[in-house]
Amino acid sequence: MASWGDINAALNRLVREGVIAGFKTNRGEKTQDSALHVNITPTANGDTDRIRDLIIGVLTPLDDEVTVTVGSESPVQA
């Protein structure tokens, strides 16, 4: 299981590059599950399928079980 810092660094890079507008994870929460849950805020013209696939690709090496939600869509597990 990756630390919050590792996940934060990976996702902040995507914010800086303009791939996503923002994100929220369950890491660091007192009631966190063992699985990583990430909610992504897409950029205005972001392709949600492409963004979800990219996030899963970036985070899967950091954590075995990743669930990604883009905006208000249903969660997708990797």
N, C-alpha and C. Protein backbone atom coordinates (compact mmCIF):
# COMPACT_ATOMS: atom_id res chain seq x y z
N MET A 1 0.85 -1.17 0.00
CA MET A 1 0.00 0.00 0.00
C MET A 1 0.89 1.23 0.00
N ALA A 2 0.65 2.12 -0.95
CA ALA A 2 1.44 3.34 -1.08
C ALA A 2 1.04 4.36 -0.02
N SER A 3 1.97 5.22 0.30
CA SER A 3 1.67 6.28 1.26
C SER A 3 0.86 7.38 0.58
N TRP A 4 0.23 8.20 1.40
CA TRP A 4 -0.52 9.34 0.88
C TRP A 4 0.41 10.25 0.08
N GLY A 5 1.65 10.41 0.53
CA GLY A 5 2.61 11.27 -0.16
C GLY A 5 2.90 10.80 -1.58
N ASP A 6 3.06 9.49 -1.76
CA ASP A 6 3.32 8.93 -3.09
C ASP A 6 2.14 9.18 -4.03
N ILE A 7 0.95 8.93 -3.50
CA ILE A 7 -0.27 9.11 -4.30
C ILE A 7 -0.47 10.58 -4.61
N ASN A 8 -0.28 11.43 -3.62
CA ASN A 8 -0.43 12.87 -3.79
C ASN A 8 0.54 13.40 -4.85
N ALA A 9 1.79 12.96 -4.81
CA ALA A 9 2.78 13.41 -5.79
C ALA A 9 2.38 13.00 -7.21
N ALA A 10 1.92 11.76 -7.37
CA ALA A 10 1.53 11.28 -8.70
C ALA A 10 0.34 12.07 -9.25
N LEU A 11 -0.66 12.31 -8.39
CA LEU A 11 -1.85 13.02 -8.86
C LEU A 11 -1.61 14.52 -9.02
N ASN A 12 -0.79 15.09 -8.16
CA ASN A 12 -0.47 16.53 -8.31
C ASN A 12 0.27 16.80 -9.61
N ARG A 13 1.08 15.85 -10.05
CA ARG A 13 1.76 16.01 -11.34
C ARG A 13 0.74 16.13 -12.46
N LEU A 14 -0.34 15.33 -12.40
CA LEU A 14 -1.38 15.39 -13.43
C LEU A 14 -2.17 16.70 -13.35
N VAL A 15 -2.31 17.26 -12.15
CA VAL A 15 -2.96 18.57 -12.01
C VAL A 15 -2.08 19.63 -12.67
N ARG A 16 -0.77 19.61 -12.35
CA ARG A 16 0.16 20.59 -12.94
C ARG A 16 0.19 20.51 -14.46
N GLU A 17 0.08 19.29 -15.00
CA GLU A 17 0.12 19.10 -16.45
C GLU A 17 -1.21 19.42 -17.12
N GLY A 18 -2.25 19.72 -16.33
CA GLY A 18 -3.56 20.07 -16.89
C GLY A 18 -4.39 18.88 -17.32
N VAL A 19 -4.00 17.68 -16.90
CA VAL A 19 -4.75 16.48 -17.25
C VAL A 19 -6.03 16.39 -16.43
N ILE A 20 -5.94 16.74 -15.14
CA ILE A 20 -7.10 16.76 -14.25
C ILE A 20 -7.13 18.11 -13.54
N ALA A 21 -8.31 18.50 -13.08
CA ALA A 21 -8.44 19.78 -12.36
C ALA A 21 -8.20 19.60 -10.87
N GLY A 22 -8.47 18.41 -10.34
CA GLY A 22 -8.28 18.16 -8.91
C GLY A 22 -8.60 16.73 -8.57
N PHE A 23 -8.44 16.38 -7.29
CA PHE A 23 -8.69 15.02 -6.84
C PHE A 23 -8.90 14.99 -5.35
N LYS A 24 -9.50 13.90 -4.89
CA LYS A 24 -9.66 13.61 -3.47
C LYS A 24 -9.48 12.12 -3.29
N THR A 25 -8.75 11.72 -2.26
CA THR A 25 -8.56 10.30 -1.98
C THR A 25 -9.03 9.99 -0.56
N ASN A 26 -9.14 8.70 -0.29
CA ASN A 26 -9.48 8.28 1.06
C ASN A 26 -8.25 8.06 1.92
N ARG A 27 -7.05 8.24 1.39
CA ARG A 27 -5.84 8.07 2.18
C ARG A 27 -5.71 9.22 3.16
N GLY A 28 -5.33 8.90 4.35
CA GLY A 28 -5.21 9.91 5.39
C GLY A 28 -6.47 10.07 6.21
N GLU A 29 -7.57 9.46 5.78
CA GLU A 29 -8.81 9.52 6.55
C GLU A 29 -8.73 8.49 7.68
N LYS A 30 -9.28 8.82 8.81
CA LYS A 30 -9.23 7.91 9.96
C LYS A 30 -10.00 6.62 9.70
N THR A 31 -11.01 6.68 8.86
CA THR A 31 -11.83 5.50 8.59
C THR A 31 -11.50 4.87 7.24
N GLN A 32 -10.31 5.11 6.73
CA GLN A 32 -9.98 4.63 5.39
C GLN A 32 -10.06 3.12 5.27
N ASP A 33 -10.54 2.67 4.12
CA ASP A 33 -10.50 1.25 3.78
C ASP A 33 -9.07 0.92 3.39
N SER A 34 -8.79 -0.36 3.24
CA SER A 34 -7.48 -0.75 2.76
C SER A 34 -7.34 -0.41 1.27
N ALA A 35 -8.45 -0.39 0.55
CA ALA A 35 -8.42 -0.08 -0.88
C ALA A 35 -8.32 1.43 -1.07
N LEU A 36 -7.64 1.82 -2.13
CA LEU A 36 -7.51 3.24 -2.47
C LEU A 36 -8.72 3.68 -3.29
N HIS A 37 -9.39 4.72 -2.86
CA HIS A 37 -10.51 5.31 -3.58
C HIS A 37 -10.11 6.72 -3.98
N VAL A 38 -10.25 7.04 -5.27
CA VAL A 38 -9.87 8.35 -5.78
C VAL A 38 -11.04 8.94 -6.56
N ASN A 39 -11.39 10.18 -6.23
CA ASN A 39 -12.40 10.90 -7.00
C ASN A 39 -11.67 12.02 -7.73
N ILE A 40 -11.77 12.00 -9.06
CA ILE A 40 -11.07 12.94 -9.92
C ILE A 40 -12.04 14.01 -10.42
N THR A 41 -11.59 15.26 -10.38
CA THR A 41 -12.34 16.34 -11.02
C THR A 41 -11.69 16.56 -12.38
N PRO A 42 -12.42 16.28 -13.46
CA PRO A 42 -11.82 16.43 -14.80
C PRO A 42 -11.68 17.89 -15.18
N THR A 43 -10.82 18.15 -16.14
CA THR A 43 -10.74 19.49 -16.72
C THR A 43 -12.00 19.71 -17.55
N ALA A 44 -12.24 20.95 -17.94
CA ALA A 44 -13.48 21.29 -18.65
C ALA A 44 -13.74 20.42 -19.88
N ASN A 45 -12.71 20.14 -20.64
CA ASN A 45 -12.87 19.35 -21.86
C ASN A 45 -12.31 17.94 -21.71
N GLY A 46 -12.18 17.47 -20.47
CA GLY A 46 -11.55 16.17 -20.22
C GLY A 46 -12.40 15.00 -20.68
N ASP A 47 -11.74 14.02 -21.26
CA ASP A 47 -12.36 12.77 -21.69
C ASP A 47 -12.34 11.82 -20.49
N THR A 48 -13.50 11.58 -19.89
CA THR A 48 -13.54 10.82 -18.64
C THR A 48 -12.98 9.41 -18.78
N ASP A 49 -13.24 8.74 -19.89
CA ASP A 49 -12.70 7.39 -20.06
C ASP A 49 -11.17 7.42 -20.12
N ARG A 50 -10.62 8.36 -20.86
CA ARG A 50 -9.16 8.47 -20.98
C ARG A 50 -8.55 8.84 -19.63
N ILE A 51 -9.19 9.77 -18.91
CA ILE A 51 -8.69 10.18 -17.61
C ILE A 51 -8.70 9.00 -16.63
N ARG A 52 -9.81 8.28 -16.58
CA ARG A 52 -9.92 7.13 -15.68
C ARG A 52 -8.83 6.11 -15.98
N ASP A 53 -8.65 5.78 -17.26
CA ASP A 53 -7.63 4.80 -17.65
C ASP A 53 -6.23 5.28 -17.27
N LEU A 54 -5.98 6.57 -17.46
CA LEU A 54 -4.67 7.13 -17.11
C LEU A 54 -4.43 7.05 -15.61
N ILE A 55 -5.42 7.44 -14.82
CA ILE A 55 -5.29 7.41 -13.36
C ILE A 55 -5.06 5.98 -12.87
N ILE A 56 -5.81 5.05 -13.40
CA ILE A 56 -5.62 3.64 -13.02
C ILE A 56 -4.21 3.19 -13.38
N GLY A 57 -3.73 3.58 -14.55
CA GLY A 57 -2.37 3.22 -14.96
C GLY A 57 -1.30 3.82 -14.07
N VAL A 58 -1.52 5.04 -13.62
CA VAL A 58 -0.55 5.72 -12.75
C VAL A 58 -0.57 5.13 -11.33
N LEU A 59 -1.76 4.82 -10.82
CA LEU A 59 -1.88 4.41 -9.42
C LEU A 59 -1.77 2.92 -9.17
N THR A 60 -2.07 2.09 -10.14
CA THR A 60 -2.02 0.64 -9.93
C THR A 60 -0.63 0.16 -9.48
N PRO A 61 0.46 0.70 -10.02
CA PRO A 61 1.77 0.27 -9.50
C PRO A 61 2.00 0.67 -8.04
N LEU A 62 1.26 1.69 -7.57
CA LEU A 62 1.42 2.16 -6.19
C LEU A 62 0.53 1.43 -5.20
N ASP A 63 -0.57 0.86 -5.67
CA ASP A 63 -1.53 0.21 -4.78
C ASP A 63 -2.23 -0.91 -5.54
N ASP A 64 -2.42 -2.04 -4.90
CA ASP A 64 -3.02 -3.20 -5.56
C ASP A 64 -4.48 -3.02 -5.92
N GLU A 65 -5.21 -2.30 -5.09
CA GLU A 65 -6.65 -2.15 -5.28
C GLU A 65 -7.01 -0.67 -5.37
N VAL A 66 -7.37 -0.23 -6.58
CA VAL A 66 -7.66 1.18 -6.84
C VAL A 66 -9.07 1.31 -7.40
N THR A 67 -9.86 2.20 -6.83
CA THR A 67 -11.18 2.54 -7.37
C THR A 67 -11.15 4.00 -7.77
N VAL A 68 -11.52 4.28 -9.02
CA VAL A 68 -11.47 5.65 -9.55
C VAL A 68 -12.86 6.09 -9.96
N THR A 69 -13.24 7.28 -9.52
CA THR A 69 -14.46 7.93 -9.94
C THR A 69 -14.06 9.25 -10.59
N VAL A 70 -14.60 9.51 -11.77
CA VAL A 70 -14.34 10.79 -12.44
C VAL A 70 -15.60 11.61 -12.35
N GLY A 71 -15.54 12.75 -11.66
CA GLY A 71 -16.73 13.57 -11.48
C GLY A 71 -17.74 12.84 -10.64
N SER A 72 -18.97 12.77 -11.12
CA SER A 72 -20.04 12.12 -10.35
C SER A 72 -20.45 10.77 -10.92
N GLU A 73 -19.61 10.17 -11.76
CA GLU A 73 -19.94 8.87 -12.35
C GLU A 73 -19.79 7.76 -11.33
N SER A 74 -20.20 6.57 -11.71
CA SER A 74 -20.06 5.39 -10.84
C SER A 74 -18.60 4.97 -10.73
N PRO A 75 -18.16 4.47 -9.58
CA PRO A 75 -16.78 4.05 -9.40
C PRO A 75 -16.40 2.89 -10.32
N VAL A 76 -15.14 2.89 -10.74
CA VAL A 76 -14.57 1.82 -11.56
C VAL A 76 -13.35 1.30 -10.83
N GLN A 77 -13.29 -0.02 -10.61
CA GLN A 77 -12.17 -0.62 -9.91
C GLN A 77 -11.15 -1.16 -10.90
N ALA A 78 -9.88 -1.09 -10.48
CA ALA A 78 -8.80 -1.66 -11.27
C ALA A 78 -8.39 -2.98 -10.66
